[in-house]
Every structure is written in structure tokens, then in C-alpha cells.
Amino acid sequence: MQVRLGRADDAATADGTAILTHEQAKDAARAWVKGLRSGSAPSPALTVNEAVDRYLEARTAEGMKAVYDAKSRARVHIKPRLGSARVSDLTLDKLRRWRDAMVHAPKRLRTAKFATTVNTREVDVSDPEALRRRRDTANRTLTLLKAALNWAYQHQLVENDRAWRLLKPFRDTGSARVRFLDATEQQRLLDTSDGSLRDLVAAALMTGARFGELSRLTVRDFDRANGTIFVEKSKNGRARHIPLTVGGAGLFDRLSAGRLPKSALLTRENGEAWKPAQYQRNFKEALAIAKLESITLHELRHSYASSMVRNGAPLIVVAEALGHSGTRMVEKHYAHLAASYVADTIRRTAPDLLLPSNGPIPMAP
């Protein structure tokens, strides 16, 4: 049996992983033989494709959330460039180049299922916000790849984790401006939506639930007596009951009337439960008709939370409604909307200047 444990350092400097000195090669050979004898030898032939697939298979069996997103991210960003590479051949430089290339790659757009080419759009990386978003995407994908490779390392499928352990994510990428609709804009969006899309939008605005949580709701999850919706599976694994307003209770009462307990609560016009991407085109059209900024359905969750904060709800209550285990994320995104001693004091004591169209600026009395 023959395997390649690395390359000699005749033409390049040894890195201890892919390029080995004579002593490092002997150590690697001894470890390989020892592994063969114990039946737990890592496999130098393990590819990135295999590592990612086995990781996702294991995590799915464990109840991993957002599997669809992880598989899609791996299919688009990881497998085309790294999939066929052996994990044992990965180097810090190769991974860094892959990470950086994602920043400058064209943005993929929605493409018809049987299209022969993928629709893309060039990214203007001179725009700070566009650059931040691309780096954030690269970081999220790097997190997935490292999770898969770490899983392989922890399960003794690979010998060394140095290459990806040393690669750090881009810094300062998580400061996106949180977008939300005020009460008037929410009503305009509802007025320009219709049918099943209107029900989906209304449910998102009146529960703050994620799309995946909404799409999994069944008739029995609506508690008519207590006016609540039960979210059994959430992103962090915590179930929660969401109290509903009168309007929210009326919505779900109508949607559940006369239907079987296990039926999907929110459905499309054909009666089937919503799936990812099926609402996007009509949702964008509704936003355009309402003359609203282009936002995602997920950002209706921000609208729900911001409305609560502005109306005086304590941040811990908002965190509980959103399904967060603490207030950190709520404080990060919504604390500036809450009544604040600091903000009130600044508004009361800071200079308040009037700016006329012409002439000097008078000080306010």
C-alpha cells in the first residue's frame, strides 16, 4: 500500500503540512504506520468534497438547523474551487487565496432552474458597503468550511489542522445597517400584496418569526384559546410561544379554520407549503408597487422588533419574542431605538440650531 504524506522540501520551504523536511517525513510515516495498526489512520485521500458532505450528513442527523443554506453555500462557494482538493494538500496560502477570491467574484443572481448559464452581476468593491457584504459572505463560507474540516480532524479523518486553523476571517464585517419598515410602510406593503403572499407578509410582520419557522407552522401550532403561535423548531434549537395581537390572532384564526391539525398553516395558492425562494419575485414586485426600499422578507423580523422597542417594550421581552437566548443581539440592533437617559439628555441640552434658507443662523431661545 502506498500513500503520499507530503512533498520533499527540495524545491520549497517546508511548512510541516504539505511540504516536509526529512525528519518531518519520518515522523509522518511513523504516525501513519501507527494509525494502520490501530485501525484509526487518517486518510490522505480524503477530499474537501467528502469532508463537507460527511460533515453535513452528520450534522443533519444531529438536527442541524439551516441545512438548506449550508448545502447551498457549499455548492456555490466551496466545491467548485476546493472540492476536488485533498484535505491533506490544503495550505494556508491556498485557503487564503480561495477566501479572497470570493470577495471579487461576481454576485450570483436568481437563475431559472434549467438555465445553461448562471446570471451574475459584477460587484463594485470600491463601494465600502458592497465590500463589507462580500467579506461577510466570505466569512460565513469560511466558517462552514472550517467547521467541516474541524469535524474531519476531530474524527481522525485527517492528520493536521494547521492550514485552516491559522486562517482568520475578515475583520469588521458585521456592522450592517439594520433596515426596517415603520407602521405606515408596513401597511403599504400589506396593501400592495395579495393572496397567499399577503398572508405570509402579515404573519412575518405580526410574529417576527423567520421564514423557515413560518413555513413549518401547522394548524395545531395556533393556540386559539390563548392567542399564541408555537414555534417548535428555531435556528438556535429553542422552542417558543409567540403571543399574538388581535390582528395576528385573527389572521391565524382565518388560516386555520376548518383544516386538519397537521396541515401547513401558511400555504401558496396551490395549497402547498412555502419553500425558500418561491416568494421572492412577488415580494419584490409588492415592494416596488408600494415604493419601498428593497428589503428581504427576513427584514420584516427587524420591523417587528423595532416596532416593539419604539413602543416601549423592554429589550428582554423583545429578545424572548424573537427567540434569542439573551439580549446581546437585540441590544446591538435595536437599543438605539429605545427610550434612553443618554439620548434624552443630549436632545434636551445640546445646541438646537435653526437653519433658514438665507441669512445667518440664529440660536434657538
Protein backbone atom coordinates (compact mmCIF):
# COMPACT_ATOMS: atom_id res chain seq x y z
CA MET A 1 0.00 0.00 0.00
CA GLN A 2 1.33 3.43 -0.95
CA VAL A 3 0.15 6.87 0.14
CA ARG A 4 1.64 10.31 -0.27
CA LEU A 5 2.14 12.01 3.07
CA GLY A 6 3.67 15.18 1.61
CA ARG A 7 6.32 16.57 -0.70
CA ALA A 8 10.02 16.88 -0.05
CA ASP A 9 11.45 20.30 0.75
CA ASP A 10 13.94 20.18 -2.14
CA ALA A 11 12.27 22.98 -4.14
CA ALA A 12 10.23 24.80 -1.48
CA THR A 13 10.43 25.60 2.20
CA ALA A 14 8.87 23.01 4.48
CA ASP A 15 5.60 24.04 6.12
CA GLY A 16 5.08 20.90 8.19
CA THR A 17 1.85 20.06 6.37
CA ALA A 18 2.19 19.60 2.60
CA ILE A 19 5.95 20.12 2.33
CA LEU A 20 8.07 18.13 4.79
CA THR A 21 11.68 18.01 5.92
CA HIS A 22 13.36 14.61 6.15
CA GLU A 23 12.65 14.36 9.88
CA GLN A 24 9.04 15.52 9.44
CA ALA A 25 8.55 12.90 6.74
CA LYS A 26 9.83 10.17 9.06
CA ASP A 27 7.50 11.37 11.83
CA ALA A 28 4.56 11.38 9.43
CA ALA A 29 5.41 7.86 8.25
CA ARG A 30 5.63 6.60 11.82
CA ALA A 31 2.24 8.18 12.63
CA TRP A 32 0.75 6.60 9.51
CA VAL A 33 2.00 3.14 10.36
CA LYS A 34 0.83 3.53 13.94
CA GLY A 35 -2.59 4.52 12.66
CA LEU A 36 -2.75 1.49 10.36
CA ARG A 37 -2.01 -0.81 13.27
CA SER A 38 -4.67 0.80 15.45
CA GLY A 39 -7.20 0.98 12.63
CA SER A 40 -7.63 4.75 13.00
CA ALA A 41 -5.23 6.12 10.42
CA PRO A 42 -6.26 9.40 8.78
CA SER A 43 -6.90 9.21 5.07
CA PRO A 44 -4.61 11.36 2.90
CA ALA A 45 -7.04 10.75 0.03
CA LEU A 46 -9.97 12.49 1.79
CA THR A 47 -11.17 15.36 -0.41
CA VAL A 48 -12.81 18.59 0.64
CA ASN A 49 -16.00 17.43 -1.08
CA GLU A 50 -16.04 14.28 1.03
CA ALA A 51 -15.26 16.15 4.23
CA VAL A 52 -18.06 18.67 3.66
CA ASP A 53 -20.59 16.01 2.66
CA ARG A 54 -19.80 13.80 5.65
CA TYR A 55 -19.96 16.78 8.00
CA LEU A 56 -23.35 17.92 6.69
CA GLU A 57 -24.66 14.36 6.80
CA ALA A 58 -23.59 14.02 10.44
CA ARG A 59 -24.98 17.41 11.45
CA THR A 60 -28.28 16.73 9.69
CA ALA A 61 -28.62 13.53 11.71
CA GLU A 62 -27.95 15.59 14.84
CA GLY A 63 -30.73 18.03 13.94
CA MET A 64 -28.63 20.82 12.41
CA LYS A 65 -30.61 23.94 11.59
CA ALA A 66 -30.29 25.82 8.29
CA VAL A 67 -29.08 22.74 6.39
CA TYR A 68 -30.50 24.11 3.14
CA ASP A 69 -28.41 27.27 3.47
CA ALA A 70 -25.26 25.30 4.36
CA LYS A 71 -25.62 22.95 1.38
CA SER A 72 -26.30 25.86 -0.96
CA ARG A 73 -23.28 27.78 0.34
CA ALA A 74 -21.05 24.73 -0.07
CA ARG A 75 -22.34 24.06 -3.60
CA VAL A 76 -21.76 27.63 -4.75
CA HIS A 77 -18.63 28.75 -2.93
CA ILE A 78 -16.67 25.73 -1.68
CA LYS A 79 -16.99 22.78 -4.02
CA PRO A 80 -16.24 24.44 -7.38
CA ARG A 81 -12.76 25.62 -6.34
CA LEU A 82 -11.76 23.36 -3.46
CA GLY A 83 -13.98 20.30 -3.75
CA SER A 84 -11.56 18.00 -5.57
CA ALA A 85 -8.54 19.03 -3.47
CA ARG A 86 -7.30 16.59 -0.88
CA VAL A 87 -7.60 17.94 2.63
CA SER A 88 -4.02 16.87 3.32
CA ASP A 89 -2.88 19.13 0.44
CA LEU A 90 -4.55 22.27 1.74
CA THR A 91 -2.19 25.07 2.71
CA LEU A 92 -2.71 28.39 4.41
CA ASP A 93 -1.88 30.21 1.17
CA LYS A 94 -4.31 28.12 -0.91
CA LEU A 95 -7.14 28.74 1.56
CA ARG A 96 -6.36 32.45 1.82
CA ARG A 97 -6.46 32.82 -1.97
CA TRP A 98 -9.79 30.99 -2.08
CA ARG A 99 -11.23 33.23 0.66
CA ASP A 100 -10.04 36.42 -1.04
CA ALA A 101 -11.34 35.34 -4.45
CA MET A 102 -14.89 35.18 -3.07
CA VAL A 103 -14.77 38.91 -2.36
CA HIS A 104 -14.13 39.81 -6.00
CA ALA A 105 -16.27 37.11 -7.62
CA PRO A 106 -19.45 38.28 -9.41
CA LYS A 107 -22.61 38.14 -7.32
CA ARG A 108 -24.88 35.27 -8.31
CA LEU A 109 -28.44 36.26 -9.19
CA ARG A 110 -31.60 34.23 -9.36
CA THR A 111 -31.43 31.90 -12.36
CA ALA A 112 -34.07 29.70 -13.96
CA LYS A 113 -33.88 26.07 -12.87
CA PHE A 114 -32.90 24.67 -16.27
CA ALA A 115 -30.82 27.62 -17.49
CA THR A 116 -27.46 26.71 -19.04
CA THR A 117 -25.68 29.75 -17.58
CA VAL A 118 -25.89 31.41 -14.19
CA ASN A 119 -26.98 35.04 -14.00
CA THR A 120 -24.36 37.19 -12.28
CA ARG A 121 -23.59 40.84 -11.58
CA GLU A 122 -20.19 42.42 -11.07
CA VAL A 123 -19.51 43.76 -7.59
CA ASP A 124 -18.17 47.27 -7.09
CA VAL A 125 -15.63 46.61 -4.31
CA SER A 126 -14.77 50.33 -4.25
CA ASP A 127 -18.14 50.77 -2.51
CA PRO A 128 -17.45 50.25 1.23
CA GLU A 129 -20.85 48.69 1.90
CA ALA A 130 -20.59 46.34 -1.09
CA LEU A 131 -17.11 45.31 0.07
CA ARG A 132 -18.37 44.72 3.61
CA ARG A 133 -21.17 42.49 2.35
CA ARG A 134 -18.82 40.43 0.18
CA ARG A 135 -16.37 39.98 3.03
CA ASP A 136 -19.21 38.98 5.31
CA THR A 137 -20.28 36.33 2.77
CA ALA A 138 -16.69 35.09 2.59
CA ASN A 139 -16.53 34.87 6.39
CA ARG A 140 -19.75 32.88 6.61
CA THR A 141 -18.50 30.45 3.98
CA LEU A 142 -15.12 30.15 5.68
CA THR A 143 -16.92 29.32 8.94
CA LEU A 144 -18.75 26.47 7.21
CA LEU A 145 -15.59 25.11 5.61
CA LYS A 146 -13.62 25.26 8.86
CA ALA A 147 -16.46 23.53 10.71
CA ALA A 148 -16.39 20.67 8.18
CA LEU A 149 -12.59 20.36 8.27
CA ASN A 150 -12.51 20.54 12.06
CA TRP A 151 -15.12 17.77 12.17
CA ALA A 152 -12.90 15.63 9.94
CA TYR A 153 -9.87 16.36 12.15
CA GLN A 154 -11.76 15.58 15.37
CA HIS A 155 -12.93 12.28 13.88
CA GLN A 156 -9.36 11.35 12.92
CA LEU A 157 -10.02 11.53 9.20
CA VAL A 158 -7.13 13.98 8.68
CA GLU A 159 -3.79 14.32 10.43
CA ASN A 160 -3.27 18.06 10.70
CA ASP A 161 -5.50 21.13 11.11
CA ARG A 162 -2.80 23.79 10.90
CA ALA A 163 -3.68 25.16 7.43
CA TRP A 164 -7.23 26.26 8.26
CA ARG A 165 -6.62 26.88 11.95
CA LEU A 166 -4.25 29.71 11.06
CA LEU A 167 -6.61 31.36 8.53
CA LYS A 168 -8.55 34.19 10.14
CA PRO A 169 -11.79 35.78 8.87
CA PHE A 170 -12.02 39.34 7.62
CA ARG A 171 -12.47 41.84 10.41
CA ASP A 172 -15.27 44.38 10.91
CA THR A 173 -17.81 42.85 8.56
CA GLY A 174 -20.83 42.58 10.86
CA SER A 175 -21.87 46.21 11.12
CA ALA A 176 -24.63 46.25 8.51
CA ARG A 177 -27.33 48.85 8.89
CA VAL A 178 -30.48 47.16 10.11
CA ARG A 179 -33.37 48.09 7.82
CA PHE A 180 -36.98 48.07 8.91
CA LEU A 181 -40.37 49.45 7.93
CA ASP A 182 -42.32 51.83 10.13
CA ALA A 183 -46.04 51.27 10.77
CA THR A 184 -47.15 53.26 7.70
CA GLU A 185 -44.73 51.42 5.42
CA GLN A 186 -45.81 48.05 6.83
CA GLN A 187 -49.42 48.86 5.97
CA ARG A 188 -48.45 49.98 2.45
CA LEU A 189 -46.66 46.68 1.90
CA LEU A 190 -49.70 44.74 3.06
CA ASP A 191 -51.97 46.80 0.82
CA THR A 192 -49.86 46.03 -2.28
CA SER A 193 -49.58 42.30 -1.50
CA ASP A 194 -52.42 39.91 -2.11
CA GLY A 195 -53.49 36.33 -1.61
CA SER A 196 -51.09 33.89 -0.01
CA LEU A 197 -48.19 36.37 -0.21
CA ARG A 198 -50.18 38.86 1.86
CA ASP A 199 -50.78 36.19 4.50
CA LEU A 200 -47.07 35.36 4.59
CA VAL A 201 -46.06 39.02 4.89
CA ALA A 202 -48.67 39.66 7.58
CA ALA A 203 -47.52 36.61 9.55
CA ALA A 204 -43.90 37.78 9.38
CA LEU A 205 -44.81 41.31 10.50
CA MET A 206 -47.02 40.14 13.39
CA THR A 207 -44.80 37.35 14.77
CA GLY A 208 -41.22 38.36 14.00
CA ALA A 209 -40.62 34.72 13.03
CA ARG A 210 -38.05 33.67 10.45
CA PHE A 211 -39.22 32.34 7.09
CA GLY A 212 -38.18 28.79 7.98
CA GLU A 213 -40.18 28.97 11.19
CA LEU A 214 -43.23 30.30 9.37
CA SER A 215 -43.04 27.70 6.60
CA ARG A 216 -43.03 24.87 9.19
CA LEU A 217 -46.08 26.10 11.14
CA THR A 218 -49.04 23.73 11.20
CA VAL A 219 -52.66 24.34 12.13
CA ARG A 220 -52.17 22.82 15.57
CA ASP A 221 -49.39 25.35 16.34
CA PHE A 222 -52.03 28.07 16.64
CA ASP A 223 -53.49 28.15 20.15
CA ARG A 224 -56.83 29.86 19.63
CA ALA A 225 -57.70 29.89 23.34
CA ASN A 226 -54.51 31.69 24.41
CA GLY A 227 -53.89 33.65 21.22
CA THR A 228 -50.36 32.31 20.62
CA ILE A 229 -48.31 30.64 17.92
CA PHE A 230 -45.95 27.82 18.88
CA VAL A 231 -42.57 27.73 17.09
CA GLU A 232 -41.27 24.22 17.66
CA LYS A 233 -38.02 24.44 15.69
CA SER A 234 -35.94 27.59 15.62
CA LYS A 235 -32.43 28.49 14.49
CA ASN A 236 -30.93 28.05 17.95
CA GLY A 237 -32.97 24.95 18.77
CA ARG A 238 -35.20 26.68 21.34
CA ALA A 239 -38.96 26.31 21.05
CA ARG A 240 -41.10 29.32 21.95
CA HIS A 241 -44.68 30.57 22.17
CA ILE A 242 -45.32 33.93 20.48
CA PRO A 243 -48.26 35.92 21.91
CA LEU A 244 -50.35 37.47 19.14
CA THR A 245 -52.08 40.81 18.84
CA VAL A 246 -55.78 40.91 17.99
CA GLY A 247 -54.89 41.25 14.31
CA GLY A 248 -52.40 38.38 14.47
CA ALA A 249 -54.87 36.09 16.22
CA GLY A 250 -57.49 36.98 13.61
CA LEU A 251 -55.08 36.13 10.78
CA PHE A 252 -54.24 32.68 12.12
CA ASP A 253 -57.84 32.00 13.11
CA ARG A 254 -58.84 32.52 9.48
CA LEU A 255 -55.95 30.44 8.14
CA SER A 256 -56.65 27.50 10.47
CA ALA A 257 -60.46 27.42 10.24
CA GLY A 258 -61.82 24.02 9.24
CA ARG A 259 -58.41 22.49 8.47
CA LEU A 260 -56.66 19.36 9.75
CA PRO A 261 -54.24 19.83 12.70
CA LYS A 262 -51.14 18.73 10.79
CA SER A 263 -51.85 20.84 7.69
CA ALA A 264 -49.39 23.61 6.82
CA LEU A 265 -50.71 26.86 8.25
CA LEU A 266 -49.22 29.16 5.60
CA THR A 267 -49.56 27.87 2.05
CA ARG A 268 -49.22 29.07 -1.52
CA GLU A 269 -52.20 29.48 -3.85
CA ASN A 270 -51.93 25.80 -4.83
CA GLY A 271 -52.24 24.69 -1.21
CA GLU A 272 -48.62 23.62 -0.82
CA ALA A 273 -46.36 24.88 1.96
CA TRP A 274 -43.92 27.66 1.10
CA LYS A 275 -40.37 26.74 0.19
CA PRO A 276 -37.30 29.01 0.02
CA ALA A 277 -37.18 31.42 -2.94
CA GLN A 278 -40.79 30.81 -4.01
CA TYR A 279 -42.00 34.15 -2.67
CA GLN A 280 -39.12 36.41 -3.74
CA ARG A 281 -40.30 37.62 -7.15
CA ASN A 282 -43.80 38.57 -5.98
CA PHE A 283 -42.40 40.07 -2.78
CA LYS A 284 -40.07 42.35 -4.76
CA GLU A 285 -42.95 43.38 -7.01
CA ALA A 286 -45.05 44.30 -3.96
CA LEU A 287 -42.19 46.41 -2.58
CA ALA A 288 -41.84 48.22 -5.90
CA ILE A 289 -45.56 48.96 -6.16
CA ALA A 290 -45.54 50.27 -2.58
CA LYS A 291 -42.50 52.42 -3.45
CA LEU A 292 -40.49 50.92 -0.60
CA GLU A 293 -36.78 50.30 -0.29
CA SER A 294 -35.75 46.84 -1.46
CA ILE A 295 -35.59 44.67 1.65
CA THR A 296 -35.74 40.95 2.31
CA LEU A 297 -38.55 39.04 3.96
CA HIS A 298 -36.20 38.40 6.88
CA GLU A 299 -36.02 42.14 7.49
CA LEU A 300 -39.71 42.13 8.35
CA ARG A 301 -38.47 40.45 11.53
CA HIS A 302 -36.49 43.63 12.20
CA SER A 303 -39.65 45.66 11.59
CA TYR A 304 -41.49 43.59 14.20
CA ALA A 305 -38.72 44.05 16.77
CA SER A 306 -38.19 47.75 16.10
CA SER A 307 -41.91 48.45 16.47
CA MET A 308 -41.91 46.76 19.88
CA VAL A 309 -38.84 48.68 21.06
CA ARG A 310 -40.21 52.03 19.87
CA ASN A 311 -43.48 51.34 21.69
CA GLY A 312 -41.61 50.80 24.96
CA ALA A 313 -41.13 47.03 25.21
CA PRO A 314 -38.14 46.07 27.41
CA LEU A 315 -35.27 44.56 25.40
CA ILE A 316 -35.50 41.27 27.32
CA VAL A 317 -39.12 40.91 26.18
CA VAL A 318 -38.14 41.59 22.56
CA ALA A 319 -35.33 39.02 22.83
CA GLU A 320 -37.79 36.44 24.17
CA ALA A 321 -40.25 37.14 21.35
CA LEU A 322 -37.52 36.73 18.73
CA GLY A 323 -36.25 33.51 20.30
CA HIS A 324 -32.83 34.82 21.40
CA SER A 325 -31.22 33.30 24.49
CA GLY A 326 -30.10 36.74 25.69
CA THR A 327 -30.33 40.43 24.89
CA ARG A 328 -26.94 40.85 23.16
CA MET A 329 -28.27 40.77 19.59
CA VAL A 330 -31.30 42.88 20.48
CA GLU A 331 -29.09 45.49 22.13
CA LYS A 332 -26.79 45.51 19.11
CA HIS A 333 -29.56 46.15 16.57
CA TYR A 334 -32.36 47.93 18.40
CA ALA A 335 -31.06 49.60 21.59
CA HIS A 336 -30.71 52.95 19.80
CA LEU A 337 -34.48 52.98 19.22
CA ALA A 338 -35.35 52.59 22.89
CA ALA A 339 -36.02 55.42 25.30
CA SER A 340 -32.65 56.32 26.79
CA TYR A 341 -31.45 58.66 29.53
CA VAL A 342 -28.35 59.49 27.46
CA ALA A 343 -30.35 60.23 24.28
CA ASP A 344 -32.99 62.23 26.15
CA THR A 345 -30.31 64.28 27.94
CA ILE A 346 -28.46 65.05 24.71
CA ARG A 347 -31.64 66.17 22.97
CA ARG A 348 -32.53 68.39 25.94
CA THR A 349 -29.12 70.03 26.44
CA ALA A 350 -27.30 70.06 23.07
CA PRO A 351 -27.36 73.22 20.87
CA ASP A 352 -30.57 73.35 18.86
CA LEU A 353 -29.91 75.44 15.72
CA LEU A 354 -32.44 76.72 13.21
CA LEU A 355 -31.27 76.80 9.62
CA PRO A 356 -33.11 79.40 7.49
CA SER A 357 -32.85 79.37 3.72
CA ASN A 358 -30.83 82.63 3.74
CA GLY A 359 -29.00 84.77 6.25
CA PRO A 360 -27.22 83.96 9.50
CA ILE A 361 -28.21 81.02 11.70
CA PRO A 362 -29.94 82.31 14.85
CA MET A 363 -29.55 80.47 18.12
CA ALA A 364 -32.76 78.97 19.43
CA PRO A 365 -34.04 80.70 22.58
